[in-house]
Every structure is written in structure tokens, then in C-alpha cells.
Amino acid sequence: MKKRTTDKPVQSILDEILNNTTETSQETSDELTRYLALELSNKVNFSEFWSTIGKSFPTLSKIVKKMFCTVATSCASERNFSIAASIATKERNSLLPETLKSQIMMKTNKDKFGG
């Protein structure tokens, strides 16, 4: 089963985007400098901003689309409930909520922790 892009570490997403772009690293650096120079209000609508100004920042726009895409399924949440049910058994009913949360996180991300 192929993993979703959002499951990848941030660096590999950035590497993938930057390797597939026609812009040079200098152009990408200039793009980032221009973006950081913008004076943005905290009340800027995220999706409106990127849909209107994204053309001025093509590489950053690609990164934003990869990093902040919305998953249209409930598979991940269903998988987490299934994992929680396998951890919070009758025999382990006294687990603290924080311990259960940590166990779910570790089991969900075991491939990222070398498990």
C-alpha cells in the first residue's frame, strides 16, 4: 500500500518538490526571501491567500499544497480507533489517557521510530 504524501517526513517532501521544479536554487531562495518580506496580518485567510498569490510563489505554493492538503477519507481516524481498541483492552483498562495516547502514537508511527 502506497503511503500518502503527508506521511512523509517534511525534508523528503521538500526534496521531492525541489528536485521536480524547473527553478534554480537561487530562484527558490529569492522566492522564499520575497515571501518572508511580506507583511501579513494574522487574520489572512490561508486558502484565499494561496489561491490568489500562489502564482507569485510557485515552489512555495507546491509545498503548501503537499503539506496542507485535506484528506478526503476517514481511514486514518478509523485506523487510530482500531489501534486504540487493540491497546485499551479489558486487561489494560487502567491506562492513563496520556499513556494510551502515547501508545497509539508509537504504534501508528512505528515505521518512523524504527519499529
N, C-alpha and C. Protein backbone atom coordinates (compact mmCIF):
# COMPACT_ATOMS: atom_id res chain seq x y z
N MET A 1 0.84 -1.18 0.00
CA MET A 1 0.00 0.00 0.00
C MET A 1 0.89 1.25 0.00
N LYS A 2 0.64 2.16 -0.92
CA LYS A 2 1.44 3.38 -1.03
C LYS A 2 1.03 4.37 0.05
N LYS A 3 2.03 4.99 0.67
CA LYS A 3 1.74 5.96 1.71
C LYS A 3 1.32 7.28 1.10
N ARG A 4 0.47 8.01 1.82
CA ARG A 4 0.09 9.35 1.39
C ARG A 4 1.31 10.25 1.52
N THR A 5 1.34 11.33 0.74
CA THR A 5 2.43 12.28 0.78
C THR A 5 2.58 12.88 2.17
N THR A 6 1.48 13.10 2.87
CA THR A 6 1.55 13.73 4.18
C THR A 6 2.19 12.84 5.23
N ASP A 7 2.38 11.55 4.93
CA ASP A 7 3.06 10.66 5.86
C ASP A 7 4.58 10.77 5.75
N LYS A 8 5.06 11.41 4.71
CA LYS A 8 6.49 11.53 4.50
C LYS A 8 7.07 12.58 5.45
N PRO A 9 8.34 12.43 5.81
CA PRO A 9 8.98 13.49 6.58
C PRO A 9 9.03 14.76 5.74
N VAL A 10 8.99 15.90 6.40
CA VAL A 10 8.98 17.19 5.72
C VAL A 10 10.15 17.31 4.75
N GLN A 11 11.33 16.90 5.16
CA GLN A 11 12.51 17.05 4.30
C GLN A 11 12.35 16.29 3.00
N SER A 12 11.78 15.09 3.03
CA SER A 12 11.64 14.33 1.79
C SER A 12 10.61 14.97 0.87
N ILE A 13 9.58 15.61 1.43
CA ILE A 13 8.61 16.33 0.61
C ILE A 13 9.29 17.51 -0.06
N LEU A 14 10.07 18.25 0.72
CA LEU A 14 10.78 19.40 0.15
C LEU A 14 11.75 18.96 -0.93
N ASP A 15 12.49 17.88 -0.68
CA ASP A 15 13.43 17.37 -1.67
C ASP A 15 12.72 16.97 -2.95
N GLU A 16 11.58 16.29 -2.81
CA GLU A 16 10.81 15.84 -3.96
C GLU A 16 10.35 17.03 -4.80
N ILE A 17 9.83 18.06 -4.13
CA ILE A 17 9.34 19.24 -4.85
C ILE A 17 10.48 19.98 -5.51
N LEU A 18 11.56 20.19 -4.77
CA LEU A 18 12.68 20.95 -5.32
C LEU A 18 13.38 20.20 -6.44
N ASN A 19 13.40 18.87 -6.40
CA ASN A 19 14.01 18.09 -7.47
C ASN A 19 13.15 18.08 -8.73
N ASN A 20 11.83 18.29 -8.56
CA ASN A 20 10.91 18.26 -9.70
C ASN A 20 10.55 19.65 -10.21
N THR A 21 11.25 20.66 -9.78
CA THR A 21 10.95 22.01 -10.22
C THR A 21 11.97 22.46 -11.25
N THR A 22 11.56 23.37 -12.11
CA THR A 22 12.47 23.88 -13.14
C THR A 22 13.24 25.10 -12.63
N GLU A 23 12.86 25.59 -11.48
CA GLU A 23 13.55 26.75 -10.93
C GLU A 23 14.89 26.35 -10.33
N THR A 24 15.83 27.29 -10.37
CA THR A 24 17.14 27.04 -9.77
C THR A 24 17.03 27.27 -8.27
N SER A 25 18.04 26.84 -7.55
CA SER A 25 18.03 27.06 -6.10
C SER A 25 18.06 28.55 -5.78
N GLN A 26 18.68 29.35 -6.64
CA GLN A 26 18.72 30.79 -6.42
C GLN A 26 17.32 31.39 -6.58
N GLU A 27 16.59 30.92 -7.60
CA GLU A 27 15.22 31.40 -7.79
C GLU A 27 14.33 31.00 -6.62
N THR A 28 14.52 29.79 -6.12
CA THR A 28 13.75 29.31 -4.97
C THR A 28 14.10 30.13 -3.74
N SER A 29 15.37 30.42 -3.55
CA SER A 29 15.82 31.24 -2.43
C SER A 29 15.23 32.65 -2.53
N ASP A 30 15.24 33.21 -3.73
CA ASP A 30 14.65 34.54 -3.94
C ASP A 30 13.15 34.53 -3.64
N GLU A 31 12.50 33.45 -4.04
CA GLU A 31 11.06 33.31 -3.79
C GLU A 31 10.79 33.29 -2.29
N LEU A 32 11.58 32.54 -1.56
CA LEU A 32 11.41 32.46 -0.11
C LEU A 32 11.68 33.83 0.53
N THR A 33 12.71 34.52 0.07
CA THR A 33 13.03 35.85 0.60
C THR A 33 11.88 36.83 0.36
N ARG A 34 11.30 36.79 -0.84
CA ARG A 34 10.16 37.66 -1.15
C ARG A 34 8.96 37.34 -0.26
N TYR A 35 8.71 36.04 -0.05
CA TYR A 35 7.59 35.64 0.81
C TYR A 35 7.80 36.11 2.25
N LEU A 36 9.01 35.91 2.77
CA LEU A 36 9.29 36.31 4.15
C LEU A 36 9.23 37.82 4.34
N ALA A 37 9.43 38.57 3.26
CA ALA A 37 9.39 40.03 3.33
C ALA A 37 7.96 40.58 3.37
N LEU A 38 6.98 39.75 3.02
CA LEU A 38 5.59 40.19 3.05
C LEU A 38 5.17 40.49 4.49
N GLU A 39 4.41 41.55 4.63
CA GLU A 39 3.85 41.88 5.95
C GLU A 39 2.42 41.38 5.96
N LEU A 40 2.22 40.23 6.57
CA LEU A 40 0.91 39.59 6.58
C LEU A 40 0.22 39.76 7.92
N SER A 41 -1.06 39.95 7.86
CA SER A 41 -1.88 40.02 9.06
C SER A 41 -2.13 38.61 9.57
N ASN A 42 -2.34 38.46 10.85
CA ASN A 42 -2.69 37.15 11.42
C ASN A 42 -4.07 36.72 10.98
N LYS A 43 -4.84 37.66 10.42
CA LYS A 43 -6.22 37.36 10.04
C LYS A 43 -6.35 37.02 8.55
N VAL A 44 -5.23 36.78 7.88
CA VAL A 44 -5.27 36.41 6.47
C VAL A 44 -5.87 35.02 6.34
N ASN A 45 -6.81 34.85 5.41
CA ASN A 45 -7.40 33.55 5.14
C ASN A 45 -6.38 32.71 4.37
N PHE A 46 -5.98 31.62 4.96
CA PHE A 46 -4.93 30.76 4.41
C PHE A 46 -5.21 30.32 2.98
N SER A 47 -6.38 29.75 2.73
CA SER A 47 -6.68 29.22 1.40
C SER A 47 -6.86 30.34 0.37
N GLU A 48 -7.47 31.44 0.77
CA GLU A 48 -7.61 32.57 -0.15
C GLU A 48 -6.25 33.14 -0.52
N PHE A 49 -5.38 33.26 0.46
CA PHE A 49 -4.05 33.80 0.22
C PHE A 49 -3.32 32.98 -0.83
N TRP A 50 -3.27 31.65 -0.64
CA TRP A 50 -2.51 30.81 -1.56
C TRP A 50 -3.18 30.66 -2.91
N SER A 51 -4.51 30.79 -2.96
CA SER A 51 -5.16 30.69 -4.27
C SER A 51 -4.96 31.97 -5.08
N THR A 52 -4.81 33.12 -4.41
CA THR A 52 -4.61 34.37 -5.15
C THR A 52 -3.14 34.69 -5.37
N ILE A 53 -2.31 34.48 -4.40
CA ILE A 53 -0.91 34.89 -4.52
C ILE A 53 0.02 33.73 -4.86
N GLY A 54 -0.51 32.53 -4.88
CA GLY A 54 0.30 31.34 -5.13
C GLY A 54 1.08 31.38 -6.44
N LYS A 55 0.53 32.04 -7.45
CA LYS A 55 1.22 32.12 -8.74
C LYS A 55 2.52 32.90 -8.64
N SER A 56 2.60 33.79 -7.68
CA SER A 56 3.84 34.56 -7.47
C SER A 56 4.91 33.76 -6.74
N PHE A 57 4.48 32.67 -6.10
CA PHE A 57 5.39 31.82 -5.33
C PHE A 57 5.17 30.36 -5.75
N PRO A 58 5.56 29.98 -6.97
CA PRO A 58 5.23 28.63 -7.47
C PRO A 58 5.80 27.48 -6.65
N THR A 59 7.04 27.59 -6.20
CA THR A 59 7.63 26.49 -5.42
C THR A 59 7.00 26.41 -4.04
N LEU A 60 6.85 27.56 -3.37
CA LEU A 60 6.21 27.56 -2.05
C LEU A 60 4.76 27.09 -2.16
N SER A 61 4.09 27.46 -3.23
CA SER A 61 2.71 27.02 -3.44
C SER A 61 2.63 25.50 -3.53
N LYS A 62 3.59 24.88 -4.22
CA LYS A 62 3.62 23.42 -4.32
C LYS A 62 3.83 22.79 -2.94
N ILE A 63 4.71 23.39 -2.16
CA ILE A 63 4.98 22.88 -0.81
C ILE A 63 3.73 22.98 0.05
N VAL A 64 3.06 24.12 -0.01
CA VAL A 64 1.83 24.32 0.77
C VAL A 64 0.78 23.30 0.37
N LYS A 65 0.61 23.07 -0.93
CA LYS A 65 -0.40 22.10 -1.38
C LYS A 65 -0.07 20.70 -0.87
N LYS A 66 1.21 20.33 -0.88
CA LYS A 66 1.60 19.00 -0.40
C LYS A 66 1.43 18.87 1.11
N MET A 67 1.83 19.91 1.84
CA MET A 67 1.86 19.83 3.30
C MET A 67 0.49 20.03 3.95
N PHE A 68 -0.38 20.82 3.34
CA PHE A 68 -1.62 21.18 3.99
C PHE A 68 -2.86 20.67 3.25
N CYS A 69 -2.69 19.62 2.49
CA CYS A 69 -3.84 19.06 1.80
C CYS A 69 -4.77 18.38 2.81
N THR A 70 -6.04 18.38 2.50
CA THR A 70 -7.02 17.74 3.37
C THR A 70 -7.33 16.35 2.85
N VAL A 71 -7.22 15.38 3.71
CA VAL A 71 -7.51 14.01 3.33
C VAL A 71 -9.03 13.84 3.27
N ALA A 72 -9.51 13.28 2.18
CA ALA A 72 -10.96 13.18 1.97
C ALA A 72 -11.55 11.88 2.49
N THR A 73 -10.81 11.12 3.26
CA THR A 73 -11.33 9.88 3.80
C THR A 73 -11.19 9.87 5.32
N SER A 74 -11.86 8.93 5.93
CA SER A 74 -11.76 8.79 7.38
C SER A 74 -10.90 7.58 7.75
N CYS A 75 -10.16 7.06 6.78
CA CYS A 75 -9.35 5.86 7.02
C CYS A 75 -8.37 6.03 8.18
N ALA A 76 -7.70 7.16 8.23
CA ALA A 76 -6.71 7.37 9.29
C ALA A 76 -7.37 7.37 10.67
N SER A 77 -8.50 8.05 10.80
CA SER A 77 -9.16 8.06 12.11
C SER A 77 -9.71 6.68 12.46
N GLU A 78 -10.23 5.97 11.48
CA GLU A 78 -10.72 4.61 11.74
C GLU A 78 -9.57 3.70 12.16
N ARG A 79 -8.42 3.86 11.52
CA ARG A 79 -7.24 3.07 11.86
C ARG A 79 -6.81 3.37 13.30
N ASN A 80 -6.87 4.65 13.70
CA ASN A 80 -6.50 5.01 15.06
C ASN A 80 -7.46 4.42 16.09
N PHE A 81 -8.75 4.40 15.79
CA PHE A 81 -9.71 3.78 16.70
C PHE A 81 -9.44 2.28 16.82
N SER A 82 -9.10 1.66 15.72
CA SER A 82 -8.79 0.23 15.74
C SER A 82 -7.54 -0.03 16.58
N ILE A 83 -6.52 0.80 16.41
CA ILE A 83 -5.29 0.67 17.20
C ILE A 83 -5.61 0.88 18.68
N ALA A 84 -6.42 1.89 18.98
CA ALA A 84 -6.77 2.17 20.38
C ALA A 84 -7.50 0.98 21.00
N ALA A 85 -8.38 0.36 20.22
CA ALA A 85 -9.11 -0.80 20.75
C ALA A 85 -8.17 -1.97 21.03
N SER A 86 -7.12 -2.10 20.22
CA SER A 86 -6.18 -3.20 20.46
C SER A 86 -5.26 -2.93 21.65
N ILE A 87 -5.10 -1.66 22.00
CA ILE A 87 -4.24 -1.30 23.14
C ILE A 87 -5.04 -1.24 24.44
N ALA A 88 -6.19 -0.61 24.40
CA ALA A 88 -7.02 -0.42 25.60
C ALA A 88 -7.95 -1.61 25.78
N THR A 89 -7.39 -2.73 26.14
CA THR A 89 -8.17 -3.95 26.34
C THR A 89 -8.72 -3.99 27.77
N LYS A 90 -9.54 -4.99 28.07
CA LYS A 90 -10.08 -5.15 29.42
C LYS A 90 -8.95 -5.28 30.44
N GLU A 91 -7.88 -5.97 30.03
CA GLU A 91 -6.75 -6.19 30.94
C GLU A 91 -5.95 -4.90 31.18
N ARG A 92 -6.10 -3.94 30.29
CA ARG A 92 -5.32 -2.70 30.41
C ARG A 92 -6.24 -1.50 30.61
N ASN A 93 -7.34 -1.69 31.29
CA ASN A 93 -8.34 -0.63 31.42
C ASN A 93 -7.94 0.50 32.37
N SER A 94 -6.82 0.36 33.06
CA SER A 94 -6.40 1.43 33.97
C SER A 94 -5.30 2.31 33.37
N LEU A 95 -5.10 2.20 32.07
CA LEU A 95 -4.11 3.06 31.43
C LEU A 95 -4.53 4.53 31.56
N LEU A 96 -3.57 5.37 31.86
CA LEU A 96 -3.85 6.80 31.89
C LEU A 96 -4.07 7.28 30.46
N PRO A 97 -4.92 8.29 30.27
CA PRO A 97 -5.17 8.80 28.92
C PRO A 97 -3.89 9.19 28.17
N GLU A 98 -2.95 9.79 28.88
CA GLU A 98 -1.70 10.21 28.24
C GLU A 98 -0.87 9.00 27.81
N THR A 99 -0.89 7.95 28.59
CA THR A 99 -0.18 6.72 28.24
C THR A 99 -0.81 6.08 27.01
N LEU A 100 -2.14 6.03 26.98
CA LEU A 100 -2.85 5.48 25.83
C LEU A 100 -2.53 6.29 24.58
N LYS A 101 -2.57 7.61 24.71
CA LYS A 101 -2.27 8.49 23.58
C LYS A 101 -0.85 8.23 23.06
N SER A 102 0.10 8.09 23.96
CA SER A 102 1.49 7.82 23.57
C SER A 102 1.62 6.46 22.88
N GLN A 103 0.92 5.46 23.41
CA GLN A 103 0.96 4.12 22.81
C GLN A 103 0.38 4.12 21.39
N ILE A 104 -0.73 4.83 21.22
CA ILE A 104 -1.35 4.93 19.89
C ILE A 104 -0.39 5.62 18.93
N MET A 105 0.21 6.71 19.38
CA MET A 105 1.14 7.46 18.53
C MET A 105 2.33 6.59 18.14
N MET A 106 2.87 5.84 19.09
CA MET A 106 4.02 4.98 18.80
C MET A 106 3.64 3.87 17.82
N LYS A 107 2.48 3.27 18.03
CA LYS A 107 2.07 2.18 17.14
C LYS A 107 1.74 2.70 15.75
N THR A 108 1.10 3.86 15.67
CA THR A 108 0.75 4.45 14.38
C THR A 108 2.00 4.83 13.59
N ASN A 109 3.03 5.27 14.27
CA ASN A 109 4.23 5.78 13.62
C ASN A 109 5.44 4.87 13.82
N LYS A 110 5.20 3.58 14.05
CA LYS A 110 6.30 2.67 14.38
C LYS A 110 7.37 2.63 13.28
N ASP A 111 6.97 2.78 12.02
CA ASP A 111 7.96 2.76 10.94
C ASP A 111 8.88 3.97 11.02
N LYS A 112 8.42 5.08 11.59
CA LYS A 112 9.24 6.28 11.72
C LYS A 112 10.16 6.20 12.94
N PHE A 113 9.85 5.26 13.85
CA PHE A 113 10.66 5.09 15.04
C PHE A 113 11.54 3.85 14.96
N GLY A 114 11.61 3.25 13.80
CA GLY A 114 12.46 2.08 13.60
C GLY A 114 11.86 0.80 14.12
N GLY A 115 10.53 0.75 14.26
CA GLY A 115 9.88 -0.44 14.80
C GLY A 115 9.33 -1.37 13.78
